[in-house]
Protein backbone atom coordinates (compact mmCIF):
# COMPACT_ATOMS: atom_id res chain seq x y z
CA MET A 1 75.91 95.32 68.84
CA ASN A 2 73.39 97.34 66.86
CA PHE A 3 70.76 98.17 69.50
CA THR A 4 68.56 100.24 67.19
CA GLU A 5 68.28 97.31 64.80
CA LEU A 6 67.15 95.02 67.63
CA LEU A 7 65.26 97.44 69.91
CA GLY A 8 63.94 100.07 67.50
CA THR A 9 65.07 103.60 66.82
CA SER A 10 64.76 104.98 70.35
CA PHE A 11 66.20 103.90 73.68
CA PRO A 12 63.75 101.45 75.29
CA THR A 13 61.67 102.48 78.28
CA VAL A 14 60.13 99.92 80.63
CA GLN A 15 57.72 100.53 83.50
CA THR A 16 57.22 98.15 86.39
CA GLU A 17 55.10 98.45 89.48
CA ARG A 18 57.48 100.91 91.20
CA ILE A 19 60.19 101.95 88.74
CA ILE A 20 60.87 103.16 85.24
CA LEU A 21 63.89 101.91 83.31
CA ARG A 22 64.83 104.63 80.86
CA LYS A 23 67.67 106.48 79.20
CA LEU A 24 69.79 108.61 81.51
CA LYS A 25 69.35 112.37 81.03
CA LEU A 26 71.83 115.10 81.90
CA GLU A 27 69.30 116.32 84.47
CA ASP A 28 69.92 113.04 86.33
CA ALA A 29 73.51 114.03 87.15
CA PRO A 30 72.80 115.50 90.62
CA ALA A 31 70.87 112.39 91.73
CA LEU A 32 73.57 110.10 90.32
CA PHE A 33 76.30 112.07 92.10
CA ASN A 34 74.27 112.12 95.31
CA TYR A 35 73.76 108.37 95.68
CA TYR A 36 77.30 107.57 94.51
CA SER A 37 78.59 109.83 97.31
CA ASN A 38 77.67 107.03 99.71
CA GLU A 39 80.59 104.62 100.19
CA ASN A 40 78.16 101.74 100.77
CA VAL A 41 76.90 102.11 97.17
CA TYR A 42 80.33 101.74 95.56
CA ARG A 43 81.90 99.40 98.15
CA TYR A 44 81.91 96.38 95.81
CA LEU A 45 82.42 98.20 92.50
CA ASP A 46 85.64 98.74 90.56
CA TRP A 47 85.37 102.53 90.88
CA ASN A 48 84.08 105.06 93.42
CA GLY A 49 81.58 106.67 91.07
CA PRO A 50 81.84 110.20 89.73
CA GLU A 51 84.06 112.35 91.97
CA THR A 52 82.26 115.62 91.15
CA LEU A 53 78.92 116.78 89.83
CA GLU A 54 80.66 117.84 86.60
CA ARG A 55 82.06 114.33 86.22
CA SER A 56 78.52 112.94 86.64
CA TYR A 57 77.43 114.82 83.51
CA GLU A 58 80.42 113.40 81.63
CA VAL A 59 79.67 109.84 82.79
CA ILE A 60 76.05 110.09 81.64
CA HIS A 61 77.19 111.36 78.25
CA PHE A 62 79.76 108.55 78.03
CA TRP A 63 77.20 105.83 78.85
CA ASN A 64 74.65 107.23 76.39
CA GLU A 65 77.32 107.44 73.71
CA GLY A 66 78.15 103.80 74.47
CA TYR A 67 74.58 102.88 73.61
CA ASP A 68 74.89 104.65 70.26
CA LYS A 69 78.15 102.79 69.60
CA GLY A 70 76.70 99.43 70.67
CA TRP A 71 78.92 98.49 73.62
CA ILE A 72 76.58 99.19 76.59
CA ILE A 73 72.89 99.62 77.30
CA ARG A 74 72.70 101.37 80.65
CA PHE A 75 69.28 102.14 82.06
CA ALA A 76 68.45 104.72 84.67
CA ILE A 77 66.39 103.13 87.43
CA ALA A 78 63.92 105.91 88.22
CA ASN A 79 61.37 106.11 91.01
CA LYS A 80 58.03 105.82 89.18
CA GLU A 81 56.34 108.48 91.32
CA THR A 82 59.07 111.14 91.10
CA ASP A 83 61.19 110.11 88.07
CA GLU A 84 64.27 110.61 90.29
CA VAL A 85 67.18 108.33 89.40
CA ILE A 86 67.90 105.90 92.23
CA GLY A 87 70.33 103.59 90.43
CA THR A 88 71.41 102.16 87.11
CA ILE A 89 71.42 98.70 85.54
CA PHE A 90 73.23 97.66 82.41
CA LEU A 91 74.29 95.06 79.93
CA SER A 92 77.81 95.46 78.51
CA GLU A 93 80.88 93.50 77.40
CA PHE A 94 78.97 92.10 74.42
CA ALA A 95 80.77 89.23 72.73
CA GLY A 96 78.83 87.12 70.26
CA LYS A 97 75.63 86.14 72.05
CA ARG A 98 76.95 86.97 75.54
CA ALA A 99 76.81 90.05 77.77
CA GLU A 100 77.62 91.08 81.33
CA LEU A 101 75.03 92.37 83.80
CA GLY A 102 75.84 95.10 86.31
CA TYR A 103 73.90 97.40 88.61
CA GLU A 104 73.96 99.73 91.60
CA LEU A 105 71.21 101.27 93.72
CA SER A 106 70.88 104.11 96.18
CA GLU A 107 71.14 102.71 99.71
CA GLU A 108 67.82 104.36 100.55
CA TYR A 109 66.11 101.78 98.27
CA TRP A 110 67.92 98.62 99.37
CA HIS A 111 65.98 95.57 100.61
CA ARG A 112 62.71 96.59 98.91
CA GLY A 113 62.78 94.35 95.84
CA ILE A 114 63.53 97.30 93.52
CA MET A 115 66.58 95.68 91.98
CA SER A 116 64.67 92.44 91.44
CA GLU A 117 62.13 94.38 89.35
CA ALA A 118 64.93 95.95 87.31
CA VAL A 119 66.91 92.72 86.81
CA LYS A 120 63.83 90.82 85.63
CA GLU A 121 63.15 93.39 82.91
CA VAL A 122 66.77 93.71 81.77
CA LEU A 123 67.18 89.93 81.56
CA SER A 124 64.02 89.80 79.46
CA ILE A 125 65.38 92.48 77.11
CA GLY A 126 68.72 90.69 76.89
CA PHE A 127 67.31 87.27 76.11
CA ASN A 128 64.08 88.09 74.28
CA GLN A 129 64.97 91.23 72.33
CA LEU A 130 68.76 91.17 71.97
CA GLY A 131 68.85 87.41 71.39
CA LEU A 132 71.54 86.72 73.98
CA VAL A 133 72.31 83.13 74.90
CA ARG A 134 74.29 83.89 78.08
CA ILE A 135 74.25 86.73 80.59
CA GLN A 136 76.97 86.74 83.21
CA ALA A 137 77.69 88.77 86.32
CA ILE A 138 80.93 89.20 88.23
CA VAL A 139 80.75 89.93 91.96
CA THR A 140 83.00 90.00 95.00
CA GLU A 141 82.77 87.20 97.54
CA GLU A 142 81.73 89.75 100.20
CA ASN A 143 78.73 91.07 98.23
CA ILE A 144 76.14 88.82 99.85
CA ALA A 145 73.11 90.82 98.61
CA SER A 146 74.23 90.63 94.98
CA LYS A 147 74.94 86.91 95.23
CA GLN A 148 71.45 86.36 96.70
CA LEU A 149 69.87 88.44 93.94
CA LEU A 150 71.61 86.44 91.22
CA SER A 151 70.62 83.16 92.89
CA LYS A 152 67.00 84.32 92.92
CA PHE A 153 67.14 84.51 89.12
CA ASN A 154 68.78 81.07 88.85
CA PHE A 155 72.26 82.32 87.98
CA LYS A 156 74.83 79.60 88.54
CA GLU A 157 78.16 80.26 90.21
CA GLU A 158 80.88 79.04 87.85
CA GLY A 159 84.02 79.77 89.78
CA CYS A 160 86.56 82.26 91.03
CA LEU A 161 88.45 84.66 88.77
CA ARG A 162 91.68 85.24 90.67
CA GLN A 163 92.89 88.83 91.02
CA PHE A 164 90.41 89.68 88.26
CA GLU A 165 89.26 93.18 89.10
CA CYS A 166 91.56 96.06 89.95
CA HIS A 167 89.98 99.12 91.52
CA SER A 168 90.43 102.32 89.53
CA VAL A 169 91.26 104.40 92.63
CA THR A 170 93.00 102.07 95.09
CA GLY A 171 94.69 99.86 92.49
CA LYS A 172 93.94 96.82 94.66
CA CYS A 173 93.08 93.68 92.73
CA LYS A 174 90.45 91.28 94.06
CA ASP A 175 89.29 87.79 93.34
CA MET A 176 85.81 87.81 91.79
CA LEU A 177 83.10 85.18 91.44
CA ILE A 178 81.52 84.66 88.05
CA TYR A 179 77.85 83.76 87.69
CA SER A 180 75.91 82.97 84.53
CA LEU A 181 72.37 82.47 83.32
CA LEU A 182 71.48 80.91 79.97
CA ASN A 183 68.43 81.88 77.94
CA THR A 184 67.09 78.33 78.35
CA GLU A 185 67.14 78.81 82.14
CA PHE A 186 65.33 82.15 82.18
CA SER A 187 61.58 82.51 82.46
CA LYS A 188 60.35 86.01 83.31
CA LYS A 189 56.96 84.78 84.47
CA ASN A 190 58.47 82.35 87.00
CA ILE A 191 60.35 85.05 88.89
């Protein structure tokens, strides 16, 4: 996907009441590494996050390069008061008019509505600026908080993808649930 054609020449920045969604910077590597060091943050993901601070720099570069190449748009979720990165949220796996939503957040900021603010803005970008028709998310059965978040935004559970996701470290494959939201079902002002 050509993001610059659809979003303009620079990476989009969005401010909400408490957060800023912006491009990741290399200076964000220590904060990224810090919150990913918590097992609770990566418990339901397909990787354990960057293993070292050096790897955090590489991951940021990789994600930003992915934006330039049109396969991912990954936002830093930054605390509006401090600009410290507390999570990321992204759209990836673009195929036609479809993309996949993913996210993670520092445990310190859980249960405060922060991710709801971020999801609302990213869905709006996906549907209203990128012209997507469908945004989907894939989550584990055990990830109750993520399932509740998706339900809040009217995502519909479509079924189980058996042995769909294999963890990059453990090699264990898990069944995953797939959820979707269509552009006709999304209304930013109703959330």
